[in-house]
């Protein structure tokens, strides 16, 4: 495996430097394949906000607050987006695998124990109301994982 290039990170902010070192340390320590995932919930009426900040929006304003953000808008459409980034190891460019499900934001329905599932409706049901196996077939995460699995299968076949 090729040695990764040396990169100089320039900042006058000591806290930022500590933060960047802490973030990069696991990748250096692992010295092997890494898979990370991030999820976004993008409201079309709000120019795709909250997007990657959905976790913090949920923590601060909850399901009802997210609905309230859209009260003044007719467009309640939203995209649930999941991106997996895979790197075979140090010095390798990460590969991205993204899944996207178009739905709309509705008042909470179903169990409220898994993030924003209770307010994201796809084809008449919220994620929370769906059978888990059915949800996994159409969800943003399921679609992204299917792309990742296909890529791994293709790599094995080569």
N, C-alpha and C. Protein backbone atom coordinates (compact mmCIF):
# COMPACT_ATOMS: atom_id res chain seq x y z
N UNK A 1 0.85 -1.17 0.00
CA UNK A 1 0.00 0.00 0.00
C UNK A 1 0.89 1.24 0.00
N UNK A 2 0.57 2.19 -0.86
CA UNK A 2 1.37 3.41 -0.98
C UNK A 2 1.26 4.26 0.28
N UNK A 3 2.33 4.94 0.60
CA UNK A 3 2.33 5.85 1.75
C UNK A 3 1.53 7.09 1.38
N UNK A 4 0.60 7.50 2.24
CA UNK A 4 -0.19 8.69 1.93
C UNK A 4 0.69 9.93 1.93
N UNK A 5 0.32 10.94 1.13
CA UNK A 5 1.12 12.16 1.09
C UNK A 5 1.02 12.90 2.42
N UNK A 6 2.07 13.66 2.72
CA UNK A 6 2.06 14.50 3.91
C UNK A 6 1.32 15.79 3.57
N UNK A 7 0.38 16.15 4.42
CA UNK A 7 -0.40 17.37 4.22
C UNK A 7 -0.18 18.27 5.41
N UNK A 8 0.08 19.54 5.16
CA UNK A 8 0.26 20.53 6.23
C UNK A 8 -1.07 21.25 6.44
N UNK A 9 -1.56 21.23 7.66
CA UNK A 9 -2.79 21.93 8.02
C UNK A 9 -2.40 23.23 8.70
N UNK A 10 -2.77 24.34 8.11
CA UNK A 10 -2.38 25.66 8.62
C UNK A 10 -3.59 26.34 9.25
N UNK A 11 -3.45 26.70 10.51
CA UNK A 11 -4.50 27.45 11.20
C UNK A 11 -3.87 28.22 12.36
N UNK A 12 -4.46 29.34 12.68
CA UNK A 12 -4.02 30.10 13.84
C UNK A 12 -4.86 29.78 15.06
N UNK A 13 -5.79 28.85 14.92
CA UNK A 13 -6.72 28.51 15.99
C UNK A 13 -6.30 27.19 16.63
N UNK A 14 -5.78 27.25 17.85
CA UNK A 14 -5.29 26.05 18.53
C UNK A 14 -6.41 25.05 18.78
N UNK A 15 -7.61 25.53 19.09
CA UNK A 15 -8.74 24.62 19.32
C UNK A 15 -9.10 23.87 18.04
N UNK A 16 -9.08 24.57 16.92
CA UNK A 16 -9.38 23.93 15.64
C UNK A 16 -8.34 22.86 15.33
N UNK A 17 -7.06 23.15 15.61
CA UNK A 17 -6.00 22.18 15.37
C UNK A 17 -6.22 20.93 16.21
N UNK A 18 -6.54 21.10 17.50
CA UNK A 18 -6.82 19.94 18.37
C UNK A 18 -8.01 19.14 17.83
N UNK A 19 -9.03 19.83 17.36
CA UNK A 19 -10.21 19.16 16.83
C UNK A 19 -9.88 18.34 15.59
N UNK A 20 -9.14 18.93 14.65
CA UNK A 20 -8.76 18.22 13.43
C UNK A 20 -7.90 17.01 13.75
N UNK A 21 -6.95 17.15 14.66
CA UNK A 21 -6.12 16.01 15.06
C UNK A 21 -6.98 14.89 15.64
N UNK A 22 -7.93 15.24 16.49
CA UNK A 22 -8.80 14.24 17.11
C UNK A 22 -9.64 13.53 16.06
N UNK A 23 -10.10 14.26 15.06
CA UNK A 23 -10.92 13.65 14.01
C UNK A 23 -10.09 12.72 13.13
N UNK A 24 -8.88 13.11 12.80
CA UNK A 24 -8.04 12.32 11.90
C UNK A 24 -7.36 11.14 12.58
N UNK A 25 -7.19 11.19 13.88
CA UNK A 25 -6.45 10.15 14.59
C UNK A 25 -6.99 8.74 14.35
N UNK A 26 -8.30 8.50 14.41
CA UNK A 26 -8.77 7.12 14.18
C UNK A 26 -8.40 6.58 12.81
N UNK A 27 -8.47 7.40 11.76
CA UNK A 27 -8.11 6.93 10.43
C UNK A 27 -6.64 6.54 10.36
N UNK A 28 -5.80 7.30 11.02
CA UNK A 28 -4.37 6.99 11.05
C UNK A 28 -4.13 5.71 11.85
N UNK A 29 -4.82 5.57 12.96
CA UNK A 29 -4.67 4.41 13.84
C UNK A 29 -5.12 3.13 13.15
N UNK A 30 -6.23 3.17 12.45
CA UNK A 30 -6.80 1.97 11.83
C UNK A 30 -5.89 1.41 10.75
N UNK A 31 -5.32 2.28 9.92
CA UNK A 31 -4.43 1.86 8.83
C UNK A 31 -5.09 0.78 7.96
N UNK A 32 -6.37 0.89 7.75
CA UNK A 32 -7.09 -0.07 6.94
C UNK A 32 -8.40 0.51 6.46
N UNK A 33 -9.28 -0.33 5.97
CA UNK A 33 -10.56 0.14 5.44
C UNK A 33 -11.41 0.84 6.51
N UNK A 34 -12.10 1.89 6.08
CA UNK A 34 -12.98 2.65 6.97
C UNK A 34 -14.29 2.92 6.23
N UNK A 35 -15.40 2.77 6.94
CA UNK A 35 -16.72 3.07 6.40
C UNK A 35 -17.41 4.02 7.36
N UNK A 36 -17.86 5.16 6.85
CA UNK A 36 -18.61 6.12 7.67
C UNK A 36 -19.93 6.42 6.97
N UNK A 37 -20.90 6.89 7.75
CA UNK A 37 -22.24 7.16 7.23
C UNK A 37 -22.74 8.48 7.78
N UNK A 38 -23.47 9.20 6.96
CA UNK A 38 -24.14 10.41 7.42
C UNK A 38 -25.50 10.48 6.76
N UNK A 39 -26.44 11.07 7.48
CA UNK A 39 -27.81 11.18 7.01
C UNK A 39 -28.25 12.63 7.02
N UNK A 40 -29.04 12.99 6.02
CA UNK A 40 -29.59 14.34 5.92
C UNK A 40 -31.10 14.23 5.73
N UNK A 41 -31.82 15.23 6.20
CA UNK A 41 -33.24 15.37 5.89
C UNK A 41 -33.40 16.77 5.31
N UNK A 42 -33.72 16.83 4.02
CA UNK A 42 -33.69 18.08 3.27
C UNK A 42 -35.10 18.54 2.92
N UNK A 43 -35.54 19.65 3.50
CA UNK A 43 -36.85 20.22 3.23
C UNK A 43 -36.72 21.11 1.99
N UNK A 44 -37.47 20.82 0.94
CA UNK A 44 -37.38 21.59 -0.30
C UNK A 44 -37.73 23.06 -0.07
N UNK A 45 -38.76 23.34 0.73
CA UNK A 45 -39.19 24.72 0.98
C UNK A 45 -38.11 25.55 1.67
N UNK A 46 -37.21 24.89 2.37
CA UNK A 46 -36.16 25.60 3.12
C UNK A 46 -34.79 25.50 2.45
N UNK A 47 -34.79 25.25 1.14
CA UNK A 47 -33.50 25.17 0.44
C UNK A 47 -32.64 24.02 0.91
N UNK A 48 -33.27 22.92 1.29
CA UNK A 48 -32.63 21.68 1.75
C UNK A 48 -32.17 21.68 3.20
N UNK A 49 -32.51 22.70 3.96
CA UNK A 49 -32.29 22.64 5.42
C UNK A 49 -33.37 21.75 6.03
N UNK A 50 -33.15 21.11 7.13
CA UNK A 50 -31.97 21.13 7.97
C UNK A 50 -30.80 20.33 7.42
N UNK A 51 -31.02 19.51 6.41
CA UNK A 51 -29.91 18.79 5.78
C UNK A 51 -29.09 18.00 6.78
N UNK A 52 -27.76 18.16 6.76
CA UNK A 52 -26.90 17.37 7.65
C UNK A 52 -27.02 17.77 9.12
N UNK A 53 -27.75 18.85 9.39
CA UNK A 53 -27.91 19.32 10.78
C UNK A 53 -29.16 18.74 11.44
N UNK A 54 -29.79 17.76 10.80
CA UNK A 54 -31.06 17.22 11.30
C UNK A 54 -30.95 16.71 12.73
N UNK A 55 -29.85 16.10 13.09
CA UNK A 55 -29.69 15.58 14.46
C UNK A 55 -29.87 16.70 15.48
N UNK A 56 -29.23 17.84 15.21
CA UNK A 56 -29.29 18.95 16.16
C UNK A 56 -30.66 19.64 16.13
N UNK A 57 -31.29 19.69 14.96
CA UNK A 57 -32.65 20.22 14.89
C UNK A 57 -33.58 19.34 15.72
N UNK A 58 -33.45 18.03 15.57
CA UNK A 58 -34.30 17.10 16.34
C UNK A 58 -34.08 17.29 17.84
N UNK A 59 -32.83 17.38 18.24
CA UNK A 59 -32.53 17.54 19.67
C UNK A 59 -33.08 18.85 20.23
N UNK A 60 -33.07 19.91 19.43
CA UNK A 60 -33.47 21.22 19.96
C UNK A 60 -34.95 21.53 19.78
N UNK A 61 -35.58 21.09 18.67
CA UNK A 61 -36.99 21.46 18.46
C UNK A 61 -37.93 20.27 18.29
N UNK A 62 -37.40 19.07 18.10
CA UNK A 62 -38.22 17.87 18.04
C UNK A 62 -39.12 17.78 16.81
N UNK A 63 -39.98 16.76 16.82
CA UNK A 63 -40.88 16.50 15.69
C UNK A 63 -41.79 17.69 15.41
N UNK A 64 -42.43 18.21 16.46
CA UNK A 64 -43.37 19.31 16.26
C UNK A 64 -42.67 20.56 15.75
N UNK A 65 -41.50 20.83 16.28
CA UNK A 65 -40.74 21.99 15.81
C UNK A 65 -40.37 21.88 14.35
N UNK A 66 -40.01 20.67 13.90
CA UNK A 66 -39.69 20.48 12.49
C UNK A 66 -40.92 20.74 11.63
N UNK A 67 -42.09 20.27 12.09
CA UNK A 67 -43.34 20.57 11.37
C UNK A 67 -43.61 22.07 11.35
N UNK A 68 -43.36 22.72 12.48
CA UNK A 68 -43.62 24.16 12.57
C UNK A 68 -42.76 24.96 11.59
N UNK A 69 -41.58 24.46 11.28
CA UNK A 69 -40.72 25.15 10.31
C UNK A 69 -41.39 25.29 8.95
N UNK A 70 -42.29 24.36 8.65
CA UNK A 70 -42.92 24.35 7.32
C UNK A 70 -44.34 24.92 7.31
N UNK A 71 -44.82 25.41 8.45
CA UNK A 71 -46.19 25.92 8.55
C UNK A 71 -46.50 26.95 7.47
N UNK A 72 -45.60 27.86 7.20
CA UNK A 72 -45.85 28.95 6.25
C UNK A 72 -45.67 28.52 4.79
N UNK A 73 -45.30 27.27 4.55
CA UNK A 73 -45.02 26.82 3.19
C UNK A 73 -46.02 25.76 2.75
N UNK A 74 -46.44 25.87 1.49
CA UNK A 74 -47.32 24.85 0.92
C UNK A 74 -46.53 23.57 0.64
N UNK A 75 -45.29 23.73 0.22
CA UNK A 75 -44.43 22.60 -0.14
C UNK A 75 -43.90 21.91 1.11
N UNK A 76 -44.35 20.70 1.36
CA UNK A 76 -43.89 19.92 2.52
C UNK A 76 -42.95 18.79 2.07
N UNK A 77 -42.54 18.81 0.79
CA UNK A 77 -41.70 17.73 0.28
C UNK A 77 -40.31 17.76 0.92
N UNK A 78 -39.74 16.58 1.02
CA UNK A 78 -38.42 16.43 1.64
C UNK A 78 -37.71 15.24 1.03
N UNK A 79 -36.40 15.29 1.06
CA UNK A 79 -35.58 14.15 0.66
C UNK A 79 -34.85 13.63 1.88
N UNK A 80 -34.94 12.33 2.08
CA UNK A 80 -34.11 11.66 3.08
C UNK A 80 -32.89 11.16 2.32
N UNK A 81 -31.70 11.54 2.78
CA UNK A 81 -30.47 11.23 2.05
C UNK A 81 -29.49 10.54 3.00
N UNK A 82 -28.91 9.45 2.54
CA UNK A 82 -27.89 8.74 3.31
C UNK A 82 -26.66 8.60 2.41
N UNK A 83 -25.52 8.91 2.96
CA UNK A 83 -24.27 8.76 2.22
C UNK A 83 -23.30 7.91 3.04
N UNK A 84 -22.83 6.84 2.43
CA UNK A 84 -21.75 6.03 3.00
C UNK A 84 -20.47 6.41 2.28
N UNK A 85 -19.41 6.63 3.02
CA UNK A 85 -18.09 6.89 2.44
C UNK A 85 -17.19 5.73 2.85
N UNK A 86 -16.58 5.11 1.86
CA UNK A 86 -15.70 3.97 2.10
C UNK A 86 -14.31 4.31 1.60
N UNK A 87 -13.32 4.04 2.44
CA UNK A 87 -11.93 4.19 2.03
C UNK A 87 -11.22 2.87 2.29
N UNK A 88 -10.56 2.33 1.28
CA UNK A 88 -9.82 1.08 1.47
C UNK A 88 -8.64 1.21 2.43
N UNK A 89 -8.19 2.44 2.67
CA UNK A 89 -7.08 2.65 3.59
C UNK A 89 -6.41 3.99 3.37
N UNK A 90 -5.36 4.26 4.14
CA UNK A 90 -4.65 5.53 4.03
C UNK A 90 -4.19 5.80 2.59
N UNK A 91 -4.36 7.04 2.16
CA UNK A 91 -3.93 7.42 0.83
C UNK A 91 -4.92 7.12 -0.27
N UNK A 92 -6.02 6.46 0.07
CA UNK A 92 -7.04 6.13 -0.93
C UNK A 92 -8.16 7.16 -0.90
N UNK A 93 -8.60 7.54 -2.06
CA UNK A 93 -9.72 8.48 -2.19
C UNK A 93 -11.00 7.77 -1.72
N UNK A 94 -11.78 8.39 -0.86
CA UNK A 94 -13.02 7.76 -0.41
C UNK A 94 -14.01 7.61 -1.57
N UNK A 95 -14.75 6.53 -1.55
CA UNK A 95 -15.82 6.28 -2.52
C UNK A 95 -17.14 6.59 -1.83
N UNK A 96 -18.05 7.27 -2.52
CA UNK A 96 -19.32 7.65 -1.93
C UNK A 96 -20.46 6.85 -2.53
N UNK A 97 -21.37 6.41 -1.67
CA UNK A 97 -22.54 5.65 -2.07
C UNK A 97 -23.75 6.33 -1.44
N UNK A 98 -24.61 6.90 -2.28
CA UNK A 98 -25.71 7.70 -1.75
C UNK A 98 -27.07 7.12 -2.12
N UNK A 99 -27.96 7.13 -1.15
CA UNK A 99 -29.35 6.75 -1.37
C UNK A 99 -30.24 7.93 -1.04
N UNK A 100 -31.31 8.09 -1.81
CA UNK A 100 -32.20 9.24 -1.63
C UNK A 100 -33.64 8.75 -1.77
N UNK A 101 -34.48 9.13 -0.81
CA UNK A 101 -35.89 8.80 -0.87
C UNK A 101 -36.68 10.10 -0.78
N UNK A 102 -37.56 10.32 -1.75
CA UNK A 102 -38.41 11.53 -1.77
C UNK A 102 -39.68 11.23 -0.99
N UNK A 103 -40.02 12.14 -0.09
CA UNK A 103 -41.24 12.00 0.69
C UNK A 103 -41.77 13.37 1.07
N UNK A 104 -42.50 13.41 2.19
CA UNK A 104 -42.97 14.70 2.68
C UNK A 104 -43.01 14.68 4.20
N UNK A 105 -43.03 15.87 4.76
CA UNK A 105 -43.04 16.03 6.21
C UNK A 105 -44.50 16.14 6.67
N UNK A 106 -44.85 15.34 7.67
CA UNK A 106 -46.21 15.29 8.20
C UNK A 106 -46.16 15.33 9.72
N UNK A 107 -47.30 15.63 10.37
CA UNK A 107 -47.32 15.52 11.84
C UNK A 107 -46.94 14.10 12.25
N UNK A 108 -46.35 13.93 13.43
CA UNK A 108 -45.85 12.61 13.86
C UNK A 108 -46.94 11.54 13.85
N UNK A 109 -46.57 10.39 13.26
CA UNK A 109 -47.43 9.20 13.27
C UNK A 109 -46.55 7.98 13.48
N UNK A 110 -47.01 7.08 14.33
CA UNK A 110 -46.25 5.88 14.61
C UNK A 110 -45.29 6.10 15.76
N UNK A 111 -44.51 5.08 16.10
CA UNK A 111 -43.55 5.19 17.20
C UNK A 111 -42.56 6.34 16.95
N UNK A 112 -42.18 7.01 18.02
CA UNK A 112 -41.26 8.16 17.91
C UNK A 112 -39.88 7.84 18.49
N UNK A 113 -39.48 6.58 18.38
CA UNK A 113 -38.24 6.14 19.02
C UNK A 113 -37.03 6.10 18.09
N UNK A 114 -37.18 6.51 16.83
CA UNK A 114 -36.04 6.46 15.91
C UNK A 114 -35.98 7.73 15.09
N UNK A 115 -35.29 8.72 15.64
CA UNK A 115 -35.06 9.98 14.93
C UNK A 115 -36.33 10.60 14.39
N UNK A 116 -36.30 10.93 13.13
CA UNK A 116 -37.41 11.63 12.49
C UNK A 116 -38.32 10.70 11.68
N UNK A 117 -38.22 9.40 11.90
CA UNK A 117 -39.06 8.44 11.16
C UNK A 117 -40.55 8.74 11.26
N UNK A 118 -41.00 9.27 12.39
CA UNK A 118 -42.43 9.50 12.60
C UNK A 118 -42.98 10.67 11.79
N UNK A 119 -42.12 11.52 11.23
CA UNK A 119 -42.62 12.67 10.46
C UNK A 119 -42.28 12.60 8.97
N UNK A 120 -41.54 11.58 8.55
CA UNK A 120 -41.19 11.45 7.13
C UNK A 120 -42.10 10.42 6.49
N UNK A 121 -42.96 10.91 5.58
CA UNK A 121 -43.94 10.03 4.93
C UNK A 121 -43.50 9.69 3.52
N UNK A 122 -43.59 8.41 3.20
CA UNK A 122 -43.30 7.91 1.86
C UNK A 122 -44.48 7.05 1.43
N UNK A 123 -45.10 7.40 0.33
CA UNK A 123 -46.24 6.64 -0.20
C UNK A 123 -47.33 6.38 0.85
N UNK A 124 -47.69 7.40 1.60
CA UNK A 124 -48.82 7.30 2.52
C UNK A 124 -48.52 6.80 3.91
N UNK A 125 -47.31 6.35 4.16
CA UNK A 125 -46.93 5.87 5.49
C UNK A 125 -45.66 6.57 5.93
N UNK A 126 -45.58 6.89 7.23
CA UNK A 126 -44.31 7.39 7.75
C UNK A 126 -43.36 6.20 7.87
N UNK A 127 -42.09 6.50 7.89
CA UNK A 127 -41.11 5.43 8.12
C UNK A 127 -41.46 4.68 9.40
N UNK A 128 -41.92 5.40 10.43
CA UNK A 128 -42.22 4.78 11.72
C UNK A 128 -43.40 3.81 11.63
N UNK A 129 -44.32 4.05 10.71
CA UNK A 129 -45.49 3.18 10.56
C UNK A 129 -45.19 1.94 9.73
N UNK A 130 -44.11 1.96 8.98
CA UNK A 130 -43.79 0.86 8.07
C UNK A 130 -43.23 -0.35 8.79
N UNK A 131 -43.50 -1.50 8.22
CA UNK A 131 -42.82 -2.72 8.62
C UNK A 131 -41.32 -2.50 8.36
N UNK A 132 -40.49 -2.90 9.29
CA UNK A 132 -39.05 -2.61 9.19
C UNK A 132 -38.43 -3.17 7.92
N UNK A 133 -38.81 -4.39 7.54
CA UNK A 133 -38.24 -4.98 6.33
C UNK A 133 -38.65 -4.20 5.08
N UNK A 134 -39.90 -3.75 5.04
CA UNK A 134 -40.38 -2.95 3.90
C UNK A 134 -39.67 -1.61 3.86
N UNK A 135 -39.52 -0.99 5.03
CA UNK A 135 -38.82 0.30 5.10
C UNK A 135 -37.38 0.15 4.60
N UNK A 136 -36.71 -0.89 5.02
CA UNK A 136 -35.30 -1.07 4.64
C UNK A 136 -35.11 -1.23 3.14
N UNK A 137 -36.14 -1.68 2.43
CA UNK A 137 -36.03 -1.84 0.97
C UNK A 137 -36.10 -0.51 0.24
N UNK A 138 -36.82 0.46 0.81
CA UNK A 138 -37.04 1.73 0.09
C UNK A 138 -36.35 2.92 0.75
N UNK A 139 -35.82 2.73 1.93
CA UNK A 139 -35.26 3.86 2.67
C UNK A 139 -33.97 4.37 2.04
N UNK A 140 -33.65 5.60 2.36
CA UNK A 140 -32.41 6.22 1.91
C UNK A 140 -31.20 5.38 2.31
N UNK A 141 -31.22 4.84 3.52
CA UNK A 141 -30.09 4.03 4.00
C UNK A 141 -30.05 2.68 3.26
N UNK A 142 -31.21 2.08 3.07
CA UNK A 142 -31.27 0.82 2.34
C UNK A 142 -30.76 0.97 0.91
N UNK A 143 -31.14 2.07 0.26
CA UNK A 143 -30.69 2.32 -1.12
C UNK A 143 -29.18 2.55 -1.18
N UNK A 144 -28.65 3.31 -0.22
CA UNK A 144 -27.21 3.55 -0.19
C UNK A 144 -26.44 2.26 0.07
N UNK A 145 -26.94 1.46 1.01
CA UNK A 145 -26.28 0.18 1.31
C UNK A 145 -26.33 -0.78 0.13
N UNK A 146 -27.42 -0.76 -0.63
CA UNK A 146 -27.52 -1.62 -1.81
C UNK A 146 -26.43 -1.24 -2.82
N UNK A 147 -26.20 0.06 -2.99
CA UNK A 147 -25.13 0.50 -3.89
C UNK A 147 -23.76 0.05 -3.38
N UNK A 148 -23.55 0.15 -2.08
CA UNK A 148 -22.28 -0.28 -1.48
C UNK A 148 -22.10 -1.79 -1.66
N UNK A 149 -23.15 -2.55 -1.40
CA UNK A 149 -23.08 -4.01 -1.58
C UNK A 149 -22.78 -4.37 -3.03
N UNK A 150 -23.42 -3.68 -3.97
CA UNK A 150 -23.16 -3.94 -5.39
C UNK A 150 -21.70 -3.68 -5.73
N UNK A 151 -21.15 -2.59 -5.17
CA UNK A 151 -19.75 -2.27 -5.44
C UNK A 151 -18.83 -3.36 -4.89
N UNK A 152 -19.11 -3.81 -3.65
CA UNK A 152 -18.29 -4.89 -3.07
C UNK A 152 -18.39 -6.16 -3.91
N UNK A 153 -19.59 -6.49 -4.37
CA UNK A 153 -19.77 -7.69 -5.20
C UNK A 153 -18.99 -7.56 -6.50
N UNK A 154 -19.00 -6.37 -7.08
CA UNK A 154 -18.26 -6.11 -8.31
C UNK A 154 -16.75 -6.26 -8.08
N UNK A 155 -16.27 -5.80 -6.93
CA UNK A 155 -14.84 -5.91 -6.61
C UNK A 155 -14.43 -7.37 -6.46
N UNK A 156 -15.29 -8.18 -5.85
CA UNK A 156 -15.00 -9.61 -5.69
C UNK A 156 -14.96 -10.32 -7.04
N UNK A 157 -15.82 -9.87 -7.97
CA UNK A 157 -15.92 -10.51 -9.28
C UNK A 157 -14.72 -10.19 -10.18
N UNK A 158 -14.03 -9.10 -9.88
CA UNK A 158 -12.90 -8.70 -10.74
C UNK A 158 -11.64 -9.46 -10.43
